[in-house]
Amino acid sequence: MPVMETDRILKLLGLAKRAGRLKSGSFQTEEAIKGGKAVLVLITADSSEASKKGWIDMCTFYETEYRIFGSKEEMGHALGMEYRAVAALTDEGFAKKILSIIDETN
């Protein structure tokens, strides 16, 4: 994915976090998915294969959109943390915009 598009997505993630429309980390993300609040789940590309499979299986079971995006360090930095492997957007507007950027570049 081009750097410009990655930066746009990371900025949107930071905005969503500040707006209270994003859950990050394993516990909060799982809670959002199982509670039906997650609109889009982002799983980092550098997560372990077992971890990715677990999140993909959970998203598939609960019929939640997901994408593989970025690295733990990039996502963590965008959210004001050191590392983050997974995040769930709970707002449809943010989710649609991020999906459109990811899907256009792939």
C-alpha atoms as a PDB file:
ATOM      1  CA  MET A   1       0.000   0.000   0.000  1.00  0.00           C
ATOM      2  CA  PRO A   2       1.367   3.459  -0.879  1.00  0.00           C
ATOM      3  CA  VAL A   3       2.731   5.487   2.046  1.00  0.00           C
ATOM      4  CA  MET A   4       0.247   8.300   1.394  1.00  0.00           C
ATOM      5  CA  GLU A   5      -2.736   5.954   1.715  1.00  0.00           C
ATOM      6  CA  THR A   6      -1.287   4.324   4.846  1.00  0.00           C
ATOM      7  CA  ASP A   7      -0.854   7.770   6.429  1.00  0.00           C
ATOM      8  CA  ARG A   8      -4.472   8.694   5.614  1.00  0.00           C
ATOM      9  CA  ILE A   9      -5.725   5.534   7.307  1.00  0.00           C
ATOM     10  CA  LEU A  10      -3.509   6.035  10.353  1.00  0.00           C
ATOM     11  CA  LYS A  11      -4.763   9.621  10.733  1.00  0.00           C
ATOM     12  CA  LEU A  12      -8.355   8.395  10.501  1.00  0.00           C
ATOM     13  CA  LEU A  13      -7.632   5.790  13.192  1.00  0.00           C
ATOM     14  CA  GLY A  14      -6.264   8.490  15.490  1.00  0.00           C
ATOM     15  CA  LEU A  15      -9.327  10.643  14.838  1.00  0.00           C
ATOM     16  CA  ALA A  16     -11.669   7.711  15.514  1.00  0.00           C
ATOM     17  CA  LYS A  17      -9.844   7.010  18.794  1.00  0.00           C
ATOM     18  CA  ARG A  18     -10.170  10.617  19.941  1.00  0.00           C
ATOM     19  CA  ALA A  19     -13.853  10.547  18.965  1.00  0.00           C
ATOM     20  CA  GLY A  20     -14.392   7.407  21.058  1.00  0.00           C
ATOM     21  CA  ARG A  21     -15.288   5.353  17.988  1.00  0.00           C
ATOM     22  CA  LEU A  22     -12.437   2.856  18.150  1.00  0.00           C
ATOM     23  CA  LYS A  23     -11.597  -0.023  20.481  1.00  0.00           C
ATOM     24  CA  SER A  24      -8.061  -1.396  20.484  1.00  0.00           C
ATOM     25  CA  GLY A  25      -6.232  -4.292  22.024  1.00  0.00           C
ATOM     26  CA  SER A  26      -7.398  -7.877  22.335  1.00  0.00           C
ATOM     27  CA  PHE A  27      -9.917  -7.480  25.147  1.00  0.00           C
ATOM     28  CA  GLN A  28     -11.709  -4.364  23.867  1.00  0.00           C
ATOM     29  CA  THR A  29     -11.741  -5.596  20.278  1.00  0.00           C
ATOM     30  CA  GLU A  30     -13.155  -8.995  21.223  1.00  0.00           C
ATOM     31  CA  GLU A  31     -15.807  -7.284  23.362  1.00  0.00           C
ATOM     32  CA  ALA A  32     -16.786  -5.011  20.436  1.00  0.00           C
ATOM     33  CA  ILE A  33     -17.025  -7.924  17.986  1.00  0.00           C
ATOM     34  CA  LYS A  34     -19.037 -10.188  20.289  1.00  0.00           C
ATOM     35  CA  GLY A  35     -21.260  -7.284  21.350  1.00  0.00           C
ATOM     36  CA  GLY A  36     -22.105  -6.490  17.736  1.00  0.00           C
ATOM     37  CA  LYS A  37     -20.590  -3.003  17.966  1.00  0.00           C
ATOM     38  CA  ALA A  38     -17.584  -3.568  15.681  1.00  0.00           C
ATOM     39  CA  VAL A  39     -18.148  -2.391  12.113  1.00  0.00           C
ATOM     40  CA  LEU A  40     -14.603  -3.031  10.891  1.00  0.00           C
ATOM     41  CA  VAL A  41     -11.690  -4.879  12.494  1.00  0.00           C
ATOM     42  CA  LEU A  42      -8.117  -4.083  11.468  1.00  0.00           C
ATOM     43  CA  ILE A  43      -5.534  -6.803  12.094  1.00  0.00           C
ATOM     44  CA  THR A  44      -1.868  -5.908  11.647  1.00  0.00           C
ATOM     45  CA  ALA A  45       0.101  -7.720   8.966  1.00  0.00           C
ATOM     46  CA  ASP A  46       2.925  -8.532  11.384  1.00  0.00           C
ATOM     47  CA  SER A  47       0.662 -10.363  13.850  1.00  0.00           C
ATOM     48  CA  SER A  48       1.406 -14.062  14.202  1.00  0.00           C
ATOM     49  CA  GLU A  49      -0.386 -16.390  11.808  1.00  0.00           C
ATOM     50  CA  ALA A  50      -2.226 -18.013  14.740  1.00  0.00           C
ATOM     51  CA  SER A  51      -3.378 -14.621  15.989  1.00  0.00           C
ATOM     52  CA  LYS A  52      -4.536 -13.532  12.523  1.00  0.00           C
ATOM     53  CA  LYS A  53      -6.430 -16.791  12.073  1.00  0.00           C
ATOM     54  CA  GLY A  54      -8.135 -16.361  15.447  1.00  0.00           C
ATOM     55  CA  TRP A  55      -9.299 -12.828  14.633  1.00  0.00           C
ATOM     56  CA  ILE A  56     -10.383 -13.771  11.106  1.00  0.00           C
ATOM     57  CA  ASP A  57     -12.359 -16.755  12.428  1.00  0.00           C
ATOM     58  CA  MET A  58     -14.041 -14.572  15.058  1.00  0.00           C
ATOM     59  CA  CYS A  59     -14.907 -11.870  12.505  1.00  0.00           C
ATOM     60  CA  THR A  60     -16.273 -14.477  10.105  1.00  0.00           C
ATOM     61  CA  PHE A  61     -18.398 -16.095  12.827  1.00  0.00           C
ATOM     62  CA  TYR A  62     -19.837 -12.761  13.981  1.00  0.00           C
ATOM     63  CA  GLU A  63     -20.156 -11.480  10.379  1.00  0.00           C
ATOM     64  CA  THR A  64     -17.858  -8.505  10.944  1.00  0.00           C
ATOM     65  CA  GLU A  65     -15.792  -6.920   8.169  1.00  0.00           C
ATOM     66  CA  TYR A  66     -12.044  -7.168   8.647  1.00  0.00           C
ATOM     67  CA  ARG A  67      -8.880  -6.195   6.809  1.00  0.00           C
ATOM     68  CA  ILE A  68      -5.187  -6.858   7.278  1.00  0.00           C
ATOM     69  CA  PHE A  69      -3.464  -3.490   7.562  1.00  0.00           C
ATOM     70  CA  GLY A  70      -0.174  -1.961   8.640  1.00  0.00           C
ATOM     71  CA  SER A  71       2.158  -2.986  11.422  1.00  0.00           C
ATOM     72  CA  LYS A  72       1.824  -3.155  15.200  1.00  0.00           C
ATOM     73  CA  GLU A  73       4.148  -0.187  15.544  1.00  0.00           C
ATOM     74  CA  GLU A  74       2.267   1.966  12.996  1.00  0.00           C
ATOM     75  CA  MET A  75      -1.110   1.236  14.540  1.00  0.00           C
ATOM     76  CA  GLY A  76       0.174   1.743  18.065  1.00  0.00           C
ATOM     77  CA  HIS A  77       1.761   5.068  17.151  1.00  0.00           C
ATOM     78  CA  ALA A  78      -1.468   6.278  15.491  1.00  0.00           C
ATOM     79  CA  LEU A  79      -3.375   5.423  18.675  1.00  0.00           C
ATOM     80  CA  GLY A  80      -0.845   6.986  21.042  1.00  0.00           C
ATOM     81  CA  MET A  81       0.525   3.676  22.309  1.00  0.00           C
ATOM     82  CA  GLU A  82       3.635   1.607  21.769  1.00  0.00           C
ATOM     83  CA  TYR A  83       2.151  -1.365  19.886  1.00  0.00           C
ATOM     84  CA  ARG A  84      -1.329  -2.478  18.852  1.00  0.00           C
ATOM     85  CA  ALA A  85      -2.047  -5.670  16.896  1.00  0.00           C
ATOM     86  CA  VAL A  86      -5.794  -5.275  16.460  1.00  0.00           C
ATOM     87  CA  ALA A  87      -8.437  -2.551  16.553  1.00  0.00           C
ATOM     88  CA  ALA A  88     -12.185  -2.345  15.971  1.00  0.00           C
ATOM     89  CA  LEU A  89     -13.957   0.660  14.513  1.00  0.00           C
ATOM     90  CA  THR A  90     -17.413   1.115  15.997  1.00  0.00           C
ATOM     91  CA  ASP A  91     -18.500   3.948  13.708  1.00  0.00           C
ATOM     92  CA  GLU A  92     -19.859   3.227  10.258  1.00  0.00           C
ATOM     93  CA  GLY A  93     -18.568   6.475   8.731  1.00  0.00           C
ATOM     94  CA  PHE A  94     -14.959   5.902   9.777  1.00  0.00           C
ATOM     95  CA  ALA A  95     -15.202   2.236   8.774  1.00  0.00           C
ATOM     96  CA  LYS A  96     -16.570   3.007   5.287  1.00  0.00           C
ATOM     97  CA  LYS A  97     -13.881   5.603   4.612  1.00  0.00           C
ATOM     98  CA  ILE A  98     -11.054   3.290   5.716  1.00  0.00           C
ATOM     99  CA  LEU A  99     -12.530   0.366   3.756  1.00  0.00           C
ATOM    100  CA  SER A 100     -12.738   2.480   0.613  1.00  0.00           C
ATOM    101  CA  ILE A 101      -9.070   3.537   0.920  1.00  0.00           C
ATOM    102  CA  ILE A 102      -7.874  -0.028   1.581  1.00  0.00           C
ATOM    103  CA  ASP A 103     -10.012  -1.610  -1.134  1.00  0.00           C
ATOM    104  CA  GLU A 104      -9.103   1.030  -3.764  1.00  0.00           C
ATOM    105  CA  THR A 105      -5.381   0.485  -3.294  1.00  0.00           C
ATOM    106  CA  ASN A 106      -5.603  -3.334  -3.325  1.00  0.00           C
END
